[in-house]
Amino acid sequence: MTVPESQTMQELAYGIVKELVDYPEGVVVQQTVSDGGQTIVLTVRTAEGDMGKVIGKQGRNAQALRTILEAIAAKHKHRVVMEIAEDGSRGRRYGR
């Protein structure tokens, strides 16, 4: 996956998450690349109290967002991992 494509995934995640939360100004999506460029890790950070909105009931929102990101990554024969973190905490994987 080229850099513009991975940036598009980061921007997509940001756009969706900011629409789900009460405090969109608190949303930050950080991206790192691992496994020699084969895996993109997106860490979604939210304002305090908004993490539950991103995760959704039984992880449904997180699962849906992951499914979209994974479909895009699979098209380019890559992997994507999305972690969700509240401000000041380490990212965790929810919804799987």
Protein backbone atom coordinates (compact mmCIF):
# COMPACT_ATOMS: atom_id res chain seq x y z
CA MET A 1 0.00 0.00 0.00
CA THR A 2 1.41 3.35 -0.91
CA VAL A 3 1.56 6.27 1.48
CA PRO A 4 -1.40 8.14 -0.09
CA GLU A 5 -3.60 5.04 0.23
CA SER A 6 -2.71 4.56 3.89
CA GLN A 7 -3.33 8.26 4.54
CA THR A 8 -6.75 7.82 2.95
CA MET A 9 -7.50 5.04 5.45
CA GLN A 10 -6.41 7.32 8.29
CA GLU A 11 -8.60 10.14 6.99
CA LEU A 12 -11.56 7.78 6.52
CA ALA A 13 -11.28 6.50 10.09
CA TYR A 14 -11.00 10.09 11.36
CA GLY A 15 -14.05 11.24 9.38
CA ILE A 16 -16.25 8.40 10.60
CA VAL A 17 -15.16 8.57 14.24
CA LYS A 18 -15.60 12.33 14.53
CA GLU A 19 -19.24 11.93 13.41
CA LEU A 20 -19.89 9.33 16.14
CA VAL A 21 -18.62 11.27 19.15
CA ASP A 22 -19.90 14.23 21.19
CA TYR A 23 -16.53 16.02 21.10
CA PRO A 24 -15.12 15.73 17.55
CA GLU A 25 -12.29 18.12 18.41
CA GLY A 26 -10.93 15.42 20.75
CA VAL A 27 -10.52 12.82 17.98
CA VAL A 28 -7.01 11.97 16.85
CA VAL A 29 -6.08 9.08 14.56
CA GLN A 30 -2.40 8.13 14.67
CA GLN A 31 -0.91 5.82 12.09
CA THR A 32 2.13 3.57 12.30
CA VAL A 33 3.36 1.01 9.80
CA SER A 34 4.86 -2.33 10.82
CA ASP A 35 5.86 -5.69 9.30
CA GLY A 36 7.95 -4.04 6.63
CA GLY A 37 5.07 -1.87 5.46
CA GLN A 38 2.55 -4.73 5.30
CA THR A 39 0.51 -3.76 8.37
CA ILE A 40 -0.99 -0.38 9.16
CA VAL A 41 -1.87 0.28 12.78
CA LEU A 42 -4.43 3.04 13.33
CA THR A 43 -4.79 4.22 16.92
CA VAL A 44 -7.98 6.18 17.45
CA ARG A 45 -7.96 8.50 20.47
CA THR A 46 -11.07 10.21 21.75
CA ALA A 47 -11.98 12.73 24.40
CA GLU A 48 -12.80 11.35 27.82
CA GLY A 49 -16.20 9.66 27.73
CA ASP A 50 -16.43 9.30 23.94
CA MET A 51 -14.71 5.92 23.66
CA GLY A 52 -17.99 4.08 24.28
CA LYS A 53 -19.61 5.80 21.32
CA VAL A 54 -16.81 4.65 19.04
CA ILE A 55 -16.99 1.09 20.35
CA GLY A 56 -20.79 0.92 20.30
CA LYS A 57 -23.04 -1.69 21.86
CA GLN A 58 -21.23 -5.01 21.98
CA GLY A 59 -18.47 -3.49 19.84
CA ARG A 60 -20.67 -3.10 16.77
CA ASN A 61 -19.42 0.35 15.72
CA ALA A 62 -15.79 -0.70 16.13
CA GLN A 63 -16.48 -3.93 14.23
CA ALA A 64 -18.15 -2.08 11.35
CA LEU A 65 -15.30 0.43 11.04
CA ARG A 66 -12.73 -2.37 11.16
CA THR A 67 -14.59 -4.26 8.44
CA ILE A 68 -14.48 -1.25 6.13
CA LEU A 69 -10.78 -0.62 6.80
CA GLU A 70 -9.91 -4.31 6.37
CA ALA A 71 -11.75 -4.46 3.04
CA ILE A 72 -9.71 -1.52 1.74
CA ALA A 73 -6.45 -3.01 3.03
CA ALA A 74 -7.25 -6.46 1.57
CA LYS A 75 -7.74 -4.90 -1.85
CA HIS A 76 -4.06 -3.87 -1.67
CA LYS A 77 -2.93 -7.14 -0.02
CA HIS A 78 -2.18 -5.47 3.31
CA ARG A 79 -3.44 -5.69 6.87
CA VAL A 80 -4.89 -3.00 9.06
CA VAL A 81 -5.27 -2.99 12.83
CA MET A 82 -7.44 -0.42 14.58
CA GLU A 83 -6.96 0.32 18.26
CA ILE A 84 -9.21 2.60 20.28
CA ALA A 85 -7.91 4.66 23.20
CA GLU A 86 -9.28 7.32 25.49
CA ASP A 87 -7.02 10.31 26.11
CA GLY A 88 -4.13 9.29 28.32
CA SER A 89 -4.59 5.54 27.88
CA ARG A 90 -2.95 2.92 25.71
CA GLY A 91 -4.91 1.63 22.73
CA ARG A 92 -6.97 -1.55 23.02
CA ARG A 93 -8.66 -3.65 20.42
CA TYR A 94 -12.42 -3.81 20.84
CA GLY A 95 -15.07 -5.54 18.79
CA ARG A 96 -13.10 -8.71 17.95
